[in-house]
C-alpha atoms as a PDB file:
ATOM      1  CA  UNK A   1     -25.155   1.801 -63.984  1.00  0.00           C
ATOM      2  CA  UNK A   2     -26.363  -1.942 -64.073  1.00  0.00           C
ATOM      3  CA  UNK A   3     -23.903  -4.882 -63.502  1.00  0.00           C
ATOM      4  CA  UNK A   4     -23.275  -6.361 -67.382  1.00  0.00           C
ATOM      5  CA  UNK A   5     -21.960  -9.837 -67.631  1.00  0.00           C
ATOM      6  CA  UNK A   6     -18.705  -9.407 -70.170  1.00  0.00           C
ATOM      7  CA  UNK A   7     -18.527 -10.969 -73.418  1.00  0.00           C
ATOM      8  CA  UNK A   8     -16.463 -13.816 -74.176  1.00  0.00           C
ATOM      9  CA  UNK A   9     -13.001 -13.398 -74.609  1.00  0.00           C
ATOM     10  CA  UNK A  10     -12.484 -14.420 -78.055  1.00  0.00           C
ATOM     11  CA  UNK A  11     -14.794 -13.593 -80.591  1.00  0.00           C
ATOM     12  CA  UNK A  12     -15.047 -14.122 -84.389  1.00  0.00           C
ATOM     13  CA  UNK A  13     -16.698 -11.727 -86.225  1.00  0.00           C
ATOM     14  CA  UNK A  14     -17.681 -14.365 -89.133  1.00  0.00           C
ATOM     15  CA  UNK A  15     -19.847 -15.814 -86.158  1.00  0.00           C
ATOM     16  CA  UNK A  16     -21.153 -12.285 -85.089  1.00  0.00           C
ATOM     17  CA  UNK A  17     -24.499 -11.258 -86.454  1.00  0.00           C
ATOM     18  CA  UNK A  18     -25.027  -7.958 -87.772  1.00  0.00           C
ATOM     19  CA  UNK A  19     -27.879  -5.790 -86.056  1.00  0.00           C
ATOM     20  CA  UNK A  20     -29.223  -3.067 -88.521  1.00  0.00           C
ATOM     21  CA  UNK A  21     -29.385   0.531 -86.604  1.00  0.00           C
ATOM     22  CA  UNK A  22     -30.510   2.971 -89.246  1.00  0.00           C
ATOM     23  CA  UNK A  23     -30.826   2.387 -93.298  1.00  0.00           C
ATOM     24  CA  UNK A  24     -27.376   1.845 -94.582  1.00  0.00           C
ATOM     25  CA  UNK A  25     -25.900   1.354 -91.245  1.00  0.00           C
ATOM     26  CA  UNK A  26     -25.341  -1.934 -89.102  1.00  0.00           C
ATOM     27  CA  UNK A  27     -23.062  -2.690 -86.554  1.00  0.00           C
ATOM     28  CA  UNK A  28     -21.478  -5.869 -84.604  1.00  0.00           C
ATOM     29  CA  UNK A  29     -20.456  -5.446 -81.001  1.00  0.00           C
ATOM     30  CA  UNK A  30     -16.999  -7.170 -80.748  1.00  0.00           C
ATOM     31  CA  UNK A  31     -16.302  -7.261 -76.967  1.00  0.00           C
ATOM     32  CA  UNK A  32     -17.193  -5.558 -73.963  1.00  0.00           C
ATOM     33  CA  UNK A  33     -17.460  -5.154 -70.077  1.00  0.00           C
ATOM     34  CA  UNK A  34     -18.686  -2.635 -67.535  1.00  0.00           C
ATOM     35  CA  UNK A  35     -15.784  -0.696 -68.499  1.00  0.00           C
ATOM     36  CA  UNK A  36     -15.015  -1.075 -72.196  1.00  0.00           C
ATOM     37  CA  UNK A  37     -16.965  -1.991 -75.595  1.00  0.00           C
ATOM     38  CA  UNK A  38     -15.900  -2.414 -79.033  1.00  0.00           C
ATOM     39  CA  UNK A  39     -18.192  -2.001 -82.022  1.00  0.00           C
ATOM     40  CA  UNK A  40     -17.859  -2.498 -85.749  1.00  0.00           C
ATOM     41  CA  UNK A  41     -20.351  -0.674 -87.776  1.00  0.00           C
ATOM     42  CA  UNK A  42     -20.732  -1.018 -91.054  1.00  0.00           C
ATOM     43  CA  UNK A  43     -21.985   1.901 -93.446  1.00  0.00           C
ATOM     44  CA  UNK A  44     -23.559   2.030 -97.125  1.00  0.00           C
ATOM     45  CA  UNK A  45     -22.617   5.007 -99.247  1.00  0.00           C
ATOM     46  CA  UNK A  46     -24.683   8.280 -97.879  1.00  0.00           C
ATOM     47  CA  UNK A  47     -25.471   6.617 -94.205  1.00  0.00           C
ATOM     48  CA  UNK A  48     -25.956   9.088 -91.941  1.00  0.00           C
ATOM     49  CA  UNK A  49     -25.037   8.560 -88.044  1.00  0.00           C
ATOM     50  CA  UNK A  50     -27.354  11.587 -86.812  1.00  0.00           C
ATOM     51  CA  UNK A  51     -25.636  14.169 -84.578  1.00  0.00           C
ATOM     52  CA  UNK A  52     -25.928  13.132 -80.997  1.00  0.00           C
ATOM     53  CA  UNK A  53     -24.355  12.842 -77.746  1.00  0.00           C
ATOM     54  CA  UNK A  54     -23.674  10.183 -74.782  1.00  0.00           C
ATOM     55  CA  UNK A  55     -21.818  10.182 -71.364  1.00  0.00           C
ATOM     56  CA  UNK A  56     -18.728   7.414 -72.642  1.00  0.00           C
ATOM     57  CA  UNK A  57     -15.606   8.735 -74.208  1.00  0.00           C
ATOM     58  CA  UNK A  58     -15.555   7.375 -77.826  1.00  0.00           C
ATOM     59  CA  UNK A  59     -12.366   6.712 -79.544  1.00  0.00           C
ATOM     60  CA  UNK A  60     -13.024   5.489 -83.210  1.00  0.00           C
ATOM     61  CA  UNK A  61     -10.760   4.369 -86.142  1.00  0.00           C
ATOM     62  CA  UNK A  62     -11.645   4.323 -89.925  1.00  0.00           C
ATOM     63  CA  UNK A  63     -11.493   0.846 -90.952  1.00  0.00           C
ATOM     64  CA  UNK A  64     -12.336   1.382 -94.267  1.00  0.00           C
ATOM     65  CA  UNK A  65     -14.259   4.377 -96.640  1.00  0.00           C
ATOM     66  CA  UNK A  66     -14.356   7.738 -96.711  1.00  0.00           C
ATOM     67  CA  UNK A  67     -16.145   9.526 -93.725  1.00  0.00           C
ATOM     68  CA  UNK A  68     -17.161  13.282 -93.192  1.00  0.00           C
ATOM     69  CA  UNK A  69     -16.969  13.353 -89.009  1.00  0.00           C
ATOM     70  CA  UNK A  70     -18.243  16.406 -87.250  1.00  0.00           C
ATOM     71  CA  UNK A  71     -17.559  16.881 -83.484  1.00  0.00           C
ATOM     72  CA  UNK A  72     -18.758  19.838 -81.320  1.00  0.00           C
ATOM     73  CA  UNK A  73     -19.367  21.675 -85.002  1.00  0.00           C
ATOM     74  CA  UNK A  74     -16.309  21.272 -86.484  1.00  0.00           C
ATOM     75  CA  UNK A  75     -16.188  18.845 -89.621  1.00  0.00           C
ATOM     76  CA  UNK A  76     -13.240  16.649 -90.792  1.00  0.00           C
ATOM     77  CA  UNK A  77     -12.784  14.407 -93.999  1.00  0.00           C
ATOM     78  CA  UNK A  78     -11.192  11.014 -92.932  1.00  0.00           C
ATOM     79  CA  UNK A  79     -10.229   8.101 -94.379  1.00  0.00           C
ATOM     80  CA  UNK A  80      -8.537   4.295 -93.762  1.00  0.00           C
ATOM     81  CA  UNK A  81      -6.229   4.533 -91.145  1.00  0.00           C
ATOM     82  CA  UNK A  82      -7.441   8.064 -89.559  1.00  0.00           C
ATOM     83  CA  UNK A  83      -9.208   8.438 -86.469  1.00  0.00           C
ATOM     84  CA  UNK A  84     -10.981  10.330 -83.784  1.00  0.00           C
ATOM     85  CA  UNK A  85     -11.935  11.134 -80.065  1.00  0.00           C
ATOM     86  CA  UNK A  86     -15.285  12.252 -78.584  1.00  0.00           C
ATOM     87  CA  UNK A  87     -15.197  13.452 -75.374  1.00  0.00           C
ATOM     88  CA  UNK A  88     -17.972  12.804 -73.100  1.00  0.00           C
ATOM     89  CA  UNK A  89     -21.152  14.740 -73.684  1.00  0.00           C
ATOM     90  CA  UNK A  90     -19.793  15.966 -77.012  1.00  0.00           C
ATOM     91  CA  UNK A  91     -22.199  16.409 -79.810  1.00  0.00           C
ATOM     92  CA  UNK A  92     -21.311  14.190 -82.764  1.00  0.00           C
ATOM     93  CA  UNK A  93     -22.082  12.586 -86.164  1.00  0.00           C
ATOM     94  CA  UNK A  94     -20.899  11.167 -89.354  1.00  0.00           C
ATOM     95  CA  UNK A  95     -21.517  11.228 -93.289  1.00  0.00           C
ATOM     96  CA  UNK A  96     -20.501   8.152 -95.049  1.00  0.00           C
ATOM     97  CA  UNK A  97     -18.945   9.422 -98.408  1.00  0.00           C
ATOM     98  CA  UNK A  98     -17.746   5.990 -99.526  1.00  0.00           C
ATOM     99  CA  UNK A  99     -18.530   2.683 -98.092  1.00  0.00           C
ATOM    100  CA  UNK A 100     -17.015   1.456 -95.283  1.00  0.00           C
ATOM    101  CA  UNK A 101     -16.384   0.706 -91.532  1.00  0.00           C
ATOM    102  CA  UNK A 102     -15.817   2.637 -88.252  1.00  0.00           C
ATOM    103  CA  UNK A 103     -14.696   0.669 -84.977  1.00  0.00           C
ATOM    104  CA  UNK A 104     -15.720   2.445 -82.189  1.00  0.00           C
ATOM    105  CA  UNK A 105     -14.457   2.076 -78.732  1.00  0.00           C
ATOM    106  CA  UNK A 106     -16.247   3.296 -75.770  1.00  0.00           C
ATOM    107  CA  UNK A 107     -15.842   3.733 -71.959  1.00  0.00           C
ATOM    108  CA  UNK A 108     -17.913   2.715 -70.057  1.00  0.00           C
ATOM    109  CA  UNK A 109     -19.769   0.148 -72.016  1.00  0.00           C
ATOM    110  CA  UNK A 110     -22.747   1.358 -73.866  1.00  0.00           C
ATOM    111  CA  UNK A 111     -25.783  -0.677 -72.436  1.00  0.00           C
ATOM    112  CA  UNK A 112     -27.942   0.830 -74.306  1.00  0.00           C
ATOM    113  CA  UNK A 113     -26.337  -1.397 -77.353  1.00  0.00           C
ATOM    114  CA  UNK A 114     -27.002  -4.580 -75.009  1.00  0.00           C
ATOM    115  CA  UNK A 115     -30.214  -6.328 -75.527  1.00  0.00           C
END
């Protein structure tokens, strides 16, 4: 893994730009170093985070909205305040049922998210 410079210690979401990821999905990287990354992801209703896998551990909080989350073939409906964990190299994806946001924490950092 390459050596990644960490983000600033204090970040205000109002001064952080959204990055469009897919139609109906955008994200902001909130903070990171080589070991940890926090990401805010906004979904419009109907937005789909296609099933994928990566070597990172992922823990996610549903900040708002309602989502259908699939992890390793098991699907659950989650809403504001619920959370989920994705072990490394596990197939997972989301469908947004009601517009909302997910707050993702990754370890180690998702270097593919950084320019």
